[in-house]
């Protein structure tokens, strides 16, 4: 069993993060989830979730996979185990990753638990995957992506492929989530691979 941290920020595409968490849990691994304030807004706007009772949202969409394998942390919870390099965290994905969060990570800000955990992943040379969802990109965005990759992170843009002949929005979501799972070493069957 592996342990992963997943961050969901306020960039468009919250369904990517939700699906990723669910797939990691279905695969039998542990997940620590961190959602930014803007991420909660996107849950409401894009997924039409009632986010007044956040505990109920967590329970309904994530915790049912087992409380011994799923952990939710707020942005200010610097006592969370994922804030320390001594905690054995096998990988971290921020999906979708806003440009603000990308900037904080690229500059080592550690201003909240999400940025701190990403900083820990880089300093401990562990897997860090950022899934930016923004368009168009200007030079500062691109430079921040280069800084993160130079420090050991990986950028997997939210760019679905079409060679698997998607028939639904779900197929497009599954393709991207599958690519992220490939990058953190979690087996899946979310899409048909080229040549299969």
Protein backbone atom coordinates (compact mmCIF):
# COMPACT_ATOMS: atom_id res chain seq x y z
CA UNK A 1 0.00 0.00 0.00
CA UNK A 2 1.34 3.41 -1.02
CA UNK A 3 0.52 6.83 0.40
CA UNK A 4 -0.27 9.83 -1.79
CA UNK A 5 -1.22 13.44 -1.22
CA UNK A 6 -3.70 15.06 -3.60
CA UNK A 7 -4.33 18.78 -3.74
CA UNK A 8 -7.34 20.32 -5.49
CA UNK A 9 -7.14 24.06 -6.16
CA UNK A 10 -9.44 26.64 -7.69
CA UNK A 11 -8.47 26.10 -11.31
CA UNK A 12 -11.22 24.76 -13.54
CA UNK A 13 -11.36 20.97 -13.68
CA UNK A 14 -12.17 19.85 -10.12
CA UNK A 15 -13.56 16.61 -11.55
CA UNK A 16 -9.98 15.59 -12.39
CA UNK A 17 -8.97 15.78 -8.74
CA UNK A 18 -12.09 14.03 -7.52
CA UNK A 19 -11.65 11.16 -9.98
CA UNK A 20 -7.95 10.84 -9.13
CA UNK A 21 -8.64 10.53 -5.40
CA UNK A 22 -11.34 7.94 -6.03
CA UNK A 23 -9.13 5.88 -8.36
CA UNK A 24 -6.18 5.88 -5.94
CA UNK A 25 -8.48 4.73 -3.13
CA UNK A 26 -10.06 2.05 -5.37
CA UNK A 27 -6.52 0.77 -6.02
CA UNK A 28 -6.08 0.16 -2.28
CA UNK A 29 -3.74 3.05 -1.47
CA UNK A 30 -3.92 5.83 1.14
CA UNK A 31 -4.81 9.42 0.23
CA UNK A 32 -4.27 12.68 2.10
CA UNK A 33 -6.51 15.33 0.50
CA UNK A 34 -6.08 19.11 0.71
CA UNK A 35 -8.60 21.45 -0.97
CA UNK A 36 -8.07 25.20 -1.26
CA UNK A 37 -10.86 27.70 -0.58
CA UNK A 38 -11.15 28.34 -4.31
CA UNK A 39 -11.23 24.57 -4.85
CA UNK A 40 -14.34 24.39 -2.68
CA UNK A 41 -15.89 27.13 -4.84
CA UNK A 42 -15.17 25.11 -7.99
CA UNK A 43 -16.84 22.06 -6.40
CA UNK A 44 -19.94 24.22 -6.06
CA UNK A 45 -19.78 25.90 -9.49
CA UNK A 46 -18.66 23.00 -11.71
CA UNK A 47 -19.87 19.90 -9.89
CA UNK A 48 -22.98 21.58 -8.39
CA UNK A 49 -22.15 20.19 -4.94
CA UNK A 50 -23.69 21.78 -1.87
CA UNK A 51 -20.53 22.81 -0.03
CA UNK A 52 -22.21 24.40 3.01
CA UNK A 53 -21.42 21.24 5.00
CA UNK A 54 -17.89 20.36 3.94
CA UNK A 55 -17.71 17.34 6.23
CA UNK A 56 -20.77 15.89 4.47
CA UNK A 57 -19.13 16.45 1.06
CA UNK A 58 -15.96 14.68 2.20
CA UNK A 59 -17.99 11.81 3.65
CA UNK A 60 -20.14 11.37 0.55
CA UNK A 61 -17.48 11.57 -2.13
CA UNK A 62 -14.30 10.29 -0.50
CA UNK A 63 -14.43 8.90 3.04
CA UNK A 64 -16.70 6.00 2.12
CA UNK A 65 -13.60 4.22 0.79
CA UNK A 66 -12.37 3.76 4.36
CA UNK A 67 -11.34 6.17 7.08
CA UNK A 68 -8.15 4.20 7.66
CA UNK A 69 -7.01 5.08 4.11
CA UNK A 70 -8.46 8.55 3.55
CA UNK A 71 -7.45 11.71 5.41
CA UNK A 72 -8.66 15.27 4.81
CA UNK A 73 -6.61 18.29 5.93
CA UNK A 74 -7.38 22.00 5.85
CA UNK A 75 -4.94 24.50 4.38
CA UNK A 76 -3.88 25.72 7.84
CA UNK A 77 -3.25 22.25 9.32
CA UNK A 78 0.55 22.44 9.54
CA UNK A 79 0.45 19.62 12.13
CA UNK A 80 -0.62 17.20 9.40
CA UNK A 81 1.94 14.42 8.85
CA UNK A 82 2.33 15.38 5.18
CA UNK A 83 3.96 18.67 6.27
CA UNK A 84 7.06 16.77 7.40
CA UNK A 85 9.79 15.15 5.35
CA UNK A 86 9.99 12.33 7.88
CA UNK A 87 6.51 11.14 6.84
CA UNK A 88 6.71 8.46 4.16
CA UNK A 89 4.72 10.03 1.33
CA UNK A 90 5.10 8.18 -1.99
CA UNK A 91 3.92 11.01 -4.22
CA UNK A 92 1.89 14.17 -4.50
CA UNK A 93 -0.41 15.44 -7.24
CA UNK A 94 -2.03 18.88 -7.42
CA UNK A 95 -4.92 18.48 -9.84
CA UNK A 96 -6.02 20.92 -11.09
CA UNK A 97 -3.21 23.28 -10.16
CA UNK A 98 -3.95 26.99 -10.25
CA UNK A 99 -1.31 29.44 -11.39
CA UNK A 100 -1.26 30.93 -7.88
CA UNK A 101 -0.43 27.57 -6.32
CA UNK A 102 2.13 26.91 -9.04
CA UNK A 103 3.78 30.25 -8.25
CA UNK A 104 3.87 29.52 -4.51
CA UNK A 105 5.53 26.16 -5.14
CA UNK A 106 7.98 27.51 -7.72
CA UNK A 107 9.15 30.15 -5.25
CA UNK A 108 9.23 27.95 -2.13
CA UNK A 109 6.59 30.05 -0.35
CA UNK A 110 5.15 27.27 1.86
CA UNK A 111 2.34 29.67 2.76
CA UNK A 112 -0.20 26.90 3.36
CA UNK A 113 -0.24 23.12 3.81
CA UNK A 114 -0.50 22.47 0.08
CA UNK A 115 2.56 24.55 -0.75
CA UNK A 116 4.46 23.18 2.27
CA UNK A 117 3.79 19.57 1.29
CA UNK A 118 4.89 20.24 -2.29
CA UNK A 119 8.06 21.83 -0.91
CA UNK A 120 8.65 18.70 1.19
CA UNK A 121 8.24 16.49 -1.87
CA UNK A 122 10.86 18.48 -3.77
CA UNK A 123 13.36 18.64 -0.93
CA UNK A 124 13.02 14.90 -0.30
CA UNK A 125 13.28 14.10 -4.05
CA UNK A 126 9.85 12.45 -4.09
CA UNK A 127 7.30 12.47 -6.90
CA UNK A 128 5.50 15.78 -7.36
CA UNK A 129 3.08 16.10 -10.28
CA UNK A 130 1.32 19.37 -11.06
CA UNK A 131 -1.64 19.42 -13.46
CA UNK A 132 -2.04 23.05 -14.55
CA UNK A 133 -5.37 24.08 -16.05
CA UNK A 134 -5.06 27.53 -17.53
CA UNK A 135 -5.11 29.02 -21.01
CA UNK A 136 -3.49 30.95 -22.51
CA UNK A 137 -0.22 30.82 -20.59
CA UNK A 138 2.06 33.83 -20.27
CA UNK A 139 5.81 33.89 -19.69
CA UNK A 140 5.59 33.92 -15.87
CA UNK A 141 3.40 30.79 -15.89
CA UNK A 142 5.88 29.03 -18.18
CA UNK A 143 8.90 30.15 -16.14
CA UNK A 144 7.26 28.85 -12.96
CA UNK A 145 6.67 25.48 -14.62
CA UNK A 146 10.34 25.37 -15.60
CA UNK A 147 11.37 26.20 -12.01
CA UNK A 148 9.27 23.32 -10.68
CA UNK A 149 10.64 20.85 -13.24
CA UNK A 150 14.21 22.03 -12.61
CA UNK A 151 13.62 21.31 -8.90
CA UNK A 152 12.44 17.76 -9.67
CA UNK A 153 8.69 18.13 -10.17
CA UNK A 154 6.72 17.08 -13.22
CA UNK A 155 4.13 19.02 -15.20
CA UNK A 156 1.25 17.03 -16.71
CA UNK A 157 -0.99 19.62 -18.39
CA UNK A 158 -4.74 19.05 -18.49
CA UNK A 159 -4.64 18.17 -22.19
CA UNK A 160 -6.72 15.10 -23.03
CA UNK A 161 -5.76 12.92 -25.97
CA UNK A 162 -8.16 11.76 -28.65
CA UNK A 163 -6.47 8.67 -30.13
CA UNK A 164 -8.50 6.46 -27.78
CA UNK A 165 -11.67 7.75 -29.52
CA UNK A 166 -13.47 9.24 -26.52
CA UNK A 167 -17.25 9.03 -26.61
CA UNK A 168 -18.06 11.08 -23.53
CA UNK A 169 -16.78 13.74 -21.16
CA UNK A 170 -16.04 10.90 -18.75
CA UNK A 171 -13.66 9.35 -21.30
CA UNK A 172 -11.74 12.64 -21.52
CA UNK A 173 -11.51 12.92 -17.72
CA UNK A 174 -10.40 9.29 -17.41
CA UNK A 175 -7.66 9.79 -20.01
CA UNK A 176 -6.04 12.62 -18.10
CA UNK A 177 -6.45 10.95 -14.72
CA UNK A 178 -4.94 7.78 -16.19
CA UNK A 179 -1.90 9.71 -17.40
CA UNK A 180 -1.42 11.09 -13.89
CA UNK A 181 -1.77 7.62 -12.36
CA UNK A 182 0.91 6.40 -14.79
CA UNK A 183 3.23 9.13 -13.50
CA UNK A 184 2.83 8.12 -9.85
CA UNK A 185 3.01 4.37 -10.49
CA UNK A 186 -0.60 3.37 -9.82
CA UNK A 187 -2.10 0.68 -12.08
CA UNK A 188 -5.36 1.54 -13.84
CA UNK A 189 -7.51 0.63 -16.81
CA UNK A 190 -9.08 4.02 -17.44
CA UNK A 191 -8.26 4.21 -21.15
CA UNK A 192 -7.06 2.08 -24.04
CA UNK A 193 -3.36 2.55 -24.60
CA UNK A 194 -1.87 3.25 -28.01
CA UNK A 195 -1.21 -0.08 -29.70
CA UNK A 196 -3.59 -2.09 -27.48
